[in-house]
PDB file of N, CA and C in Angstrom:
ATOM      1  N   MET A   1     -18.706 -37.822  -2.432  1.00  0.00           N
ATOM      2  CA  MET A   1     -18.110 -37.545  -3.960  1.00  0.00           C
ATOM      3  C   MET A   1     -16.925 -36.222  -3.891  1.00  0.00           C
ATOM      4  N   ALA A   2     -15.912 -36.395  -4.198  1.00  0.00           N
ATOM      5  CA  ALA A   2     -14.999 -35.070  -3.963  1.00  0.00           C
ATOM      6  C   ALA A   2     -15.101 -34.631  -5.527  1.00  0.00           C
ATOM      7  N   SER A   3     -15.534 -33.491  -5.282  1.00  0.00           N
ATOM      8  CA  SER A   3     -15.533 -32.650  -6.767  1.00  0.00           C
ATOM      9  C   SER A   3     -14.208 -31.960  -7.025  1.00  0.00           C
ATOM     10  N   SER A   4     -13.727 -31.374  -8.050  1.00  0.00           N
ATOM     11  CA  SER A   4     -12.355 -30.771  -8.476  1.00  0.00           C
ATOM     12  C   SER A   4     -12.183 -29.421  -8.033  1.00  0.00           C
ATOM     13  N   ARG A   5     -13.790 -29.075  -7.710  1.00  0.00           N
ATOM     14  CA  ARG A   5     -13.762 -27.443  -6.998  1.00  0.00           C
ATOM     15  C   ARG A   5     -13.162 -27.468  -5.888  1.00  0.00           C
ATOM     16  N   ASN A   6     -13.476 -28.528  -5.261  1.00  0.00           N
ATOM     17  CA  ASN A   6     -12.709 -28.236  -3.704  1.00  0.00           C
ATOM     18  C   ASN A   6     -10.871 -28.321  -3.673  1.00  0.00           C
ATOM     19  N   LYS A   7     -10.766 -29.487  -4.317  1.00  0.00           N
ATOM     20  CA  LYS A   7      -8.974 -29.345  -4.493  1.00  0.00           C
ATOM     21  C   LYS A   7      -8.130 -28.078  -4.687  1.00  0.00           C
ATOM     22  N   PRO A   8      -7.362 -27.732  -4.021  1.00  0.00           N
ATOM     23  CA  PRO A   8      -6.792 -26.507  -3.840  1.00  0.00           C
ATOM     24  C   PRO A   8      -5.722 -26.518  -5.341  1.00  0.00           C
ATOM     25  N   THR A   9      -5.410 -25.327  -5.741  1.00  0.00           N
ATOM     26  CA  THR A   9      -4.138 -25.586  -7.126  1.00  0.00           C
ATOM     27  C   THR A   9      -3.475 -24.464  -6.882  1.00  0.00           C
ATOM     28  N   ALA A  10      -3.634 -24.176  -5.594  1.00  0.00           N
ATOM     29  CA  ALA A  10      -1.881 -23.303  -5.735  1.00  0.00           C
ATOM     30  C   ALA A  10      -1.653 -23.180  -4.146  1.00  0.00           C
ATOM     31  N   SER A  11      -0.638 -23.176  -3.742  1.00  0.00           N
ATOM     32  CA  SER A  11      -0.117 -23.332  -2.575  1.00  0.00           C
ATOM     33  C   SER A  11       1.059 -21.939  -2.489  1.00  0.00           C
ATOM     34  N   PRO A  12       0.956 -21.362  -1.162  1.00  0.00           N
ATOM     35  CA  PRO A  12       1.626 -20.507  -0.776  1.00  0.00           C
ATOM     36  C   PRO A  12       3.003 -20.914  -0.965  1.00  0.00           C
ATOM     37  N   PRO A  13       3.940 -19.599  -0.962  1.00  0.00           N
ATOM     38  CA  PRO A  13       5.328 -19.789  -0.856  1.00  0.00           C
ATOM     39  C   PRO A  13       5.594 -20.337   0.041  1.00  0.00           C
ATOM     40  N   PRO A  14       7.242 -20.787   0.575  1.00  0.00           N
ATOM     41  CA  PRO A  14       7.279 -21.343   1.738  1.00  0.00           C
ATOM     42  C   PRO A  14       7.982 -20.034   2.508  1.00  0.00           C
ATOM     43  N   THR A  15       7.844 -19.791   4.019  1.00  0.00           N
ATOM     44  CA  THR A  15       7.911 -18.756   4.434  1.00  0.00           C
ATOM     45  C   THR A  15       9.219 -18.559   5.752  1.00  0.00           C
ATOM     46  N   LEU A  16       9.398 -18.108   5.916  1.00  0.00           N
ATOM     47  CA  LEU A  16      10.661 -17.477   6.870  1.00  0.00           C
ATOM     48  C   LEU A  16      10.479 -16.775   8.148  1.00  0.00           C
ATOM     49  N   GLY A  17      10.816 -17.345   9.305  1.00  0.00           N
ATOM     50  CA  GLY A  17      10.259 -16.640  10.865  1.00  0.00           C
ATOM     51  C   GLY A  17       8.747 -17.446  11.046  1.00  0.00           C
ATOM     52  N   GLU A  18       8.285 -16.421  12.402  1.00  0.00           N
ATOM     53  CA  GLU A  18       7.122 -16.600  12.691  1.00  0.00           C
ATOM     54  C   GLU A  18       6.942 -15.347  13.177  1.00  0.00           C
ATOM     55  N   GLY A  19       5.040 -15.459  13.526  1.00  0.00           N
ATOM     56  CA  GLY A  19       4.182 -14.630  13.471  1.00  0.00           C
ATOM     57  C   GLY A  19       4.481 -13.360  12.805  1.00  0.00           C
ATOM     58  N   CYS A  20       4.714 -12.312  14.022  1.00  0.00           N
ATOM     59  CA  CYS A  20       5.009 -10.854  13.115  1.00  0.00           C
ATOM     60  C   CYS A  20       5.648 -10.867  12.473  1.00  0.00           C
ATOM     61  N   LEU A  21       7.346 -11.526  12.296  1.00  0.00           N
ATOM     62  CA  LEU A  21       8.467 -11.757  11.763  1.00  0.00           C
ATOM     63  C   LEU A  21       8.270 -12.505  10.294  1.00  0.00           C
ATOM     64  N   ALA A  22       7.035 -13.034  10.072  1.00  0.00           N
ATOM     65  CA  ALA A  22       6.626 -13.930   9.054  1.00  0.00           C
ATOM     66  C   ALA A  22       7.155 -13.699   7.897  1.00  0.00           C
ATOM     67  N   ARG A  23       7.434 -14.393   6.743  1.00  0.00           N
ATOM     68  CA  ARG A  23       7.945 -13.277   5.693  1.00  0.00           C
ATOM     69  C   ARG A  23       8.121 -14.574   4.398  1.00  0.00           C
ATOM     70  N   TYR A  24       7.761 -14.365   3.522  1.00  0.00           N
ATOM     71  CA  TYR A  24       8.277 -15.050   1.958  1.00  0.00           C
ATOM     72  C   TYR A  24       9.973 -15.033   1.961  1.00  0.00           C
ATOM     73  N   ASP A  25       9.978 -16.554   1.954  1.00  0.00           N
ATOM     74  CA  ASP A  25      11.206 -16.893   1.499  1.00  0.00           C
ATOM     75  C   ASP A  25      12.011 -16.389   0.685  1.00  0.00           C
ATOM     76  N   PRO A  26      12.937 -15.585   0.069  1.00  0.00           N
ATOM     77  CA  PRO A  26      12.973 -14.762  -1.501  1.00  0.00           C
ATOM     78  C   PRO A  26      14.274 -15.406  -2.045  1.00  0.00           C
ATOM     79  N   GLU A  27      14.695 -16.809  -1.416  1.00  0.00           N
ATOM     80  CA  GLU A  27      15.027 -18.043  -2.045  1.00  0.00           C
ATOM     81  C   GLU A  27      14.559 -18.444  -2.625  1.00  0.00           C
ATOM     82  N   ALA A  28      13.163 -18.756  -2.466  1.00  0.00           N
ATOM     83  CA  ALA A  28      12.311 -19.862  -3.392  1.00  0.00           C
ATOM     84  C   ALA A  28      11.286 -19.196  -3.660  1.00  0.00           C
ATOM     85  N   LEU A  29      11.222 -17.452  -3.946  1.00  0.00           N
ATOM     86  CA  LEU A  29      10.275 -16.806  -4.934  1.00  0.00           C
ATOM     87  C   LEU A  29      11.045 -16.849  -6.489  1.00  0.00           C
ATOM     88  N   GLY A  30       9.927 -17.058  -7.421  1.00  0.00           N
ATOM     89  CA  GLY A  30      10.780 -17.024  -8.842  1.00  0.00           C
ATOM     90  C   GLY A  30       9.138 -15.637  -9.615  1.00  0.00           C
ATOM     91  N   ASP A  31       9.943 -15.658 -10.678  1.00  0.00           N
ATOM     92  CA  ASP A  31       9.617 -14.540 -11.648  1.00  0.00           C
ATOM     93  C   ASP A  31       7.461 -15.088 -11.608  1.00  0.00           C
ATOM     94  N   GLU A  32       7.268 -16.290 -11.281  1.00  0.00           N
ATOM     95  CA  GLU A  32       5.686 -16.368 -11.196  1.00  0.00           C
ATOM     96  C   GLU A  32       4.734 -16.151 -10.009  1.00  0.00           C
ATOM     97  N   ASP A  33       5.740 -15.744  -8.988  1.00  0.00           N
ATOM     98  CA  ASP A  33       5.180 -15.303  -7.571  1.00  0.00           C
ATOM     99  C   ASP A  33       4.957 -14.114  -7.752  1.00  0.00           C
ATOM    100  N   GLY A  34       5.470 -12.890  -8.237  1.00  0.00           N
ATOM    101  CA  GLY A  34       5.472 -11.819  -8.297  1.00  0.00           C
ATOM    102  C   GLY A  34       4.250 -11.194  -8.096  1.00  0.00           C
ATOM    103  N   THR A  35       4.298  -9.479  -7.920  1.00  0.00           N
ATOM    104  CA  THR A  35       3.232  -8.894  -8.127  1.00  0.00           C
ATOM    105  C   THR A  35       3.238  -7.685  -8.794  1.00  0.00           C
ATOM    106  N   ASP A  36       4.305  -7.695 -10.019  1.00  0.00           N
ATOM    107  CA  ASP A  36       4.112  -7.314 -10.632  1.00  0.00           C
ATOM    108  C   ASP A  36       3.394  -6.278 -11.833  1.00  0.00           C
ATOM    109  N   PHE A  37       2.862  -5.010 -11.633  1.00  0.00           N
ATOM    110  CA  PHE A  37       1.656  -4.455 -11.643  1.00  0.00           C
ATOM    111  C   PHE A  37       1.944  -3.027 -12.714  1.00  0.00           C
ATOM    112  N   PRO A  38       2.510  -3.240 -13.965  1.00  0.00           N
ATOM    113  CA  PRO A  38       3.006  -1.718 -14.017  1.00  0.00           C
ATOM    114  C   PRO A  38       1.771  -0.920 -14.472  1.00  0.00           C
ATOM    115  N   ASP A  39       0.837  -1.092 -14.833  1.00  0.00           N
ATOM    116  CA  ASP A  39      -0.647   0.066 -14.583  1.00  0.00           C
ATOM    117  C   ASP A  39      -0.979   0.236 -13.793  1.00  0.00           C
ATOM    118  N   ALA A  40      -0.407   0.100 -12.222  1.00  0.00           N
ATOM    119  CA  ALA A  40      -1.320   0.265 -10.923  1.00  0.00           C
ATOM    120  C   ALA A  40      -1.430   1.699 -10.977  1.00  0.00           C
ATOM    121  N   ALA A  41      -0.656   2.321 -11.511  1.00  0.00           N
ATOM    122  CA  ALA A  41      -0.758   4.232 -10.978  1.00  0.00           C
ATOM    123  C   ALA A  41      -2.204   4.258 -12.414  1.00  0.00           C
ATOM    124  N   GLU A  42      -2.369   4.075 -12.865  1.00  0.00           N
ATOM    125  CA  GLU A  42      -3.359   4.243 -13.984  1.00  0.00           C
ATOM    126  C   GLU A  42      -4.241   3.895 -13.734  1.00  0.00           C
ATOM    127  N   LEU A  43      -4.481   2.732 -12.909  1.00  0.00           N
ATOM    128  CA  LEU A  43      -5.624   2.134 -12.609  1.00  0.00           C
ATOM    129  C   LEU A  43      -6.077   2.840 -11.246  1.00  0.00           C
ATOM    130  N   TRP A  44      -5.258   3.401 -10.624  1.00  0.00           N
ATOM    131  CA  TRP A  44      -5.305   4.186  -9.257  1.00  0.00           C
ATOM    132  C   TRP A  44      -5.910   5.505  -9.740  1.00  0.00           C
ATOM    133  N   ARG A  45      -5.430   6.206 -10.542  1.00  0.00           N
ATOM    134  CA  ARG A  45      -6.075   7.306 -11.401  1.00  0.00           C
ATOM    135  C   ARG A  45      -7.225   7.346 -12.333  1.00  0.00           C
ATOM    136  N   GLN A  46      -7.562   6.282 -12.517  1.00  0.00           N
ATOM    137  CA  GLN A  46      -9.229   5.862 -12.935  1.00  0.00           C
ATOM    138  C   GLN A  46      -9.868   5.487 -11.699  1.00  0.00           C
ATOM    139  N   LEU A  47      -9.670   5.072 -10.623  1.00  0.00           N
ATOM    140  CA  LEU A  47     -10.725   4.622  -9.757  1.00  0.00           C
ATOM    141  C   LEU A  47     -10.753   5.541  -8.751  1.00  0.00           C
ATOM    142  N   ASN A  48      -9.731   7.055  -9.045  1.00  0.00           N
ATOM    143  CA  ASN A  48      -9.414   7.932  -7.865  1.00  0.00           C
ATOM    144  C   ASN A  48      -9.319   9.016  -8.291  1.00  0.00           C
ATOM    145  N   PRO A  49     -10.289   9.666  -9.301  1.00  0.00           N
ATOM    146  CA  PRO A  49     -10.295  10.671 -10.136  1.00  0.00           C
ATOM    147  C   PRO A  49      -9.892  12.054  -8.971  1.00  0.00           C
ATOM    148  N   PRO A  50      -9.059  13.196  -9.500  1.00  0.00           N
ATOM    149  CA  PRO A  50      -8.753  14.262  -8.465  1.00  0.00           C
ATOM    150  C   PRO A  50      -9.856  14.897  -8.250  1.00  0.00           C
ATOM    151  N   ASP A  51     -10.576  15.417  -6.880  1.00  0.00           N
ATOM    152  CA  ASP A  51     -11.303  16.427  -6.711  1.00  0.00           C
ATOM    153  C   ASP A  51     -10.963  17.563  -6.178  1.00  0.00           C
ATOM    154  N   ALA A  52     -11.597  18.833  -6.031  1.00  0.00           N
ATOM    155  CA  ALA A  52     -11.444  19.812  -5.071  1.00  0.00           C
ATOM    156  C   ALA A  52     -10.742  19.965  -3.859  1.00  0.00           C
ATOM    157  N   ALA A  53     -11.222  18.769  -3.084  1.00  0.00           N
ATOM    158  CA  ALA A  53     -10.387  18.995  -1.729  1.00  0.00           C
ATOM    159  C   ALA A  53      -8.764  18.196  -2.356  1.00  0.00           C
ATOM    160  N   SER A  54      -8.556  17.868  -2.802  1.00  0.00           N
ATOM    161  CA  SER A  54      -7.175  17.212  -3.317  1.00  0.00           C
ATOM    162  C   SER A  54      -6.785  18.085  -4.048  1.00  0.00           C
ATOM    163  N   ALA A  55      -7.265  18.713  -4.730  1.00  0.00           N
ATOM    164  CA  ALA A  55      -6.110  19.981  -5.306  1.00  0.00           C
ATOM    165  C   ALA A  55      -5.389  21.023  -4.733  1.00  0.00           C
ATOM    166  N   PRO A  56      -3.878  21.160  -4.971  1.00  0.00           N
ATOM    167  CA  PRO A  56      -3.296  22.288  -4.121  1.00  0.00           C
ATOM    168  C   PRO A  56      -3.806  23.420  -3.771  1.00  0.00           C
ATOM    169  N   ALA A  57      -3.967  24.430  -3.105  1.00  0.00           N
ATOM    170  CA  ALA A  57      -4.468  25.456  -2.703  1.00  0.00           C
ATOM    171  C   ALA A  57      -3.762  26.932  -3.661  1.00  0.00           C
ATOM    172  N   ALA A  58      -4.882  27.251  -4.752  1.00  0.00           N
ATOM    173  CA  ALA A  58      -4.509  28.347  -5.468  1.00  0.00           C
ATOM    174  C   ALA A  58      -4.136  29.445  -4.749  1.00  0.00           C
ATOM    175  N   ASP A  59      -5.048  29.974  -3.428  1.00  0.00           N
ATOM    176  CA  ASP A  59      -4.684  31.653  -3.306  1.00  0.00           C
ATOM    177  C   ASP A  59      -3.519  31.397  -1.809  1.00  0.00           C
ATOM    178  N   ALA A  60      -2.852  30.146  -1.582  1.00  0.00           N
ATOM    179  CA  ALA A  60      -2.463  30.798  -0.714  1.00  0.00           C
ATOM    180  C   ALA A  60      -0.979  31.233  -1.051  1.00  0.00           C
ATOM    181  N   PRO A  61      -0.324  32.045  -0.485  1.00  0.00           N
ATOM    182  CA  PRO A  61       0.990  32.799  -0.688  1.00  0.00           C
ATOM    183  C   PRO A  61       2.648  32.095  -0.858  1.00  0.00           C
ATOM    184  N   ALA A  62       3.375  32.241  -1.605  1.00  0.00           N
ATOM    185  CA  ALA A  62       4.293  31.666  -2.339  1.00  0.00           C
ATOM    186  C   ALA A  62       5.116  31.603  -1.217  1.00  0.00           C
ATOM    187  N   GLY A  63       6.019  30.566  -0.582  1.00  0.00           N
ATOM    188  CA  GLY A  63       6.606  30.858   0.220  1.00  0.00           C
ATOM    189  C   GLY A  63       6.637  30.320   1.589  1.00  0.00           C
ATOM    190  N   ARG A  64       5.082  30.150   1.631  1.00  0.00           N
ATOM    191  CA  ARG A  64       4.766  30.217   3.047  1.00  0.00           C
ATOM    192  C   ARG A  64       4.269  28.496   3.431  1.00  0.00           C
ATOM    193  N   GLN A  65       4.399  28.207   4.494  1.00  0.00           N
ATOM    194  CA  GLN A  65       3.905  26.981   4.945  1.00  0.00           C
ATOM    195  C   GLN A  65       3.276  26.292   5.563  1.00  0.00           C
ATOM    196  N   THR A  66       2.558  25.821   6.075  1.00  0.00           N
ATOM    197  CA  THR A  66       1.573  25.535   7.326  1.00  0.00           C
ATOM    198  C   THR A  66       2.045  25.545   8.192  1.00  0.00           C
ATOM    199  N   PRO A  67       1.650  26.251   9.801  1.00  0.00           N
ATOM    200  CA  PRO A  67       2.280  25.800  10.773  1.00  0.00           C
ATOM    201  C   PRO A  67       2.384  24.360  11.612  1.00  0.00           C
ATOM    202  N   ALA A  68       3.283  24.043  12.103  1.00  0.00           N
ATOM    203  CA  ALA A  68       2.777  22.309  12.316  1.00  0.00           C
ATOM    204  C   ALA A  68       2.634  22.467  13.829  1.00  0.00           C
ATOM    205  N   HIS A  69       1.728  21.526  14.088  1.00  0.00           N
ATOM    206  CA  HIS A  69       0.925  21.139  15.505  1.00  0.00           C
ATOM    207  C   HIS A  69       2.209  21.174  16.693  1.00  0.00           C
ATOM    208  N   PRO A  70       1.889  21.705  17.678  1.00  0.00           N
ATOM    209  CA  PRO A  70       2.928  21.350  18.371  1.00  0.00           C
ATOM    210  C   PRO A  70       3.020  20.405  18.991  1.00  0.00           C
ATOM    211  N   PRO A  71       3.926  19.448  19.867  1.00  0.00           N
ATOM    212  CA  PRO A  71       3.977  18.692  20.413  1.00  0.00           C
ATOM    213  C   PRO A  71       2.884  17.678  21.599  1.00  0.00           C
ATOM    214  N   ALA A  72       2.419  16.818  21.259  1.00  0.00           N
ATOM    215  CA  ALA A  72       0.986  16.272  22.054  1.00  0.00           C
ATOM    216  C   ALA A  72       1.504  16.836  23.741  1.00  0.00           C
ATOM    217  N   ASP A  73       2.758  16.135  24.261  1.00  0.00           N
ATOM    218  CA  ASP A  73       3.366  16.472  25.315  1.00  0.00           C
ATOM    219  C   ASP A  73       3.613  17.822  25.674  1.00  0.00           C
ATOM    220  N   LYS A  74       3.337  18.545  25.131  1.00  0.00           N
ATOM    221  CA  LYS A  74       3.956  20.252  25.088  1.00  0.00           C
ATOM    222  C   LYS A  74       2.486  21.095  25.237  1.00  0.00           C
ATOM    223  N   SER A  75       2.064  21.917  26.158  1.00  0.00           N
ATOM    224  CA  SER A  75       1.152  22.873  26.328  1.00  0.00           C
ATOM    225  C   SER A  75       1.393  24.374  25.366  1.00  0.00           C
ATOM    226  N   SER A  76       0.038  24.971  25.131  1.00  0.00           N
ATOM    227  CA  SER A  76       0.761  26.250  24.598  1.00  0.00           C
ATOM    228  C   SER A  76       0.693  27.627  25.600  1.00  0.00           C
ATOM    229  N   LYS A  77       0.303  26.972  26.818  1.00  0.00           N
ATOM    230  CA  LYS A  77       0.248  27.984  28.034  1.00  0.00           C
ATOM    231  C   LYS A  77       1.245  28.130  29.074  1.00  0.00           C
TER     232      LYS A  77
END
């Protein structure tokens, strides 16, 4: 006996390309297929409150930058 819970009710939009180059066909997408989420930034702030580790340094001298790491293929010797 087939249950109505086992029947799919949604299907993915058509794709273009294959493998790593596969992408949704923009011509086939409509307003119902979007991922618009205007409150995403607010939700991110609620789920990831700022802490001391992510706060900007207050004692760093103005106009100074952190020195860049040397390229991996270069030696300091």
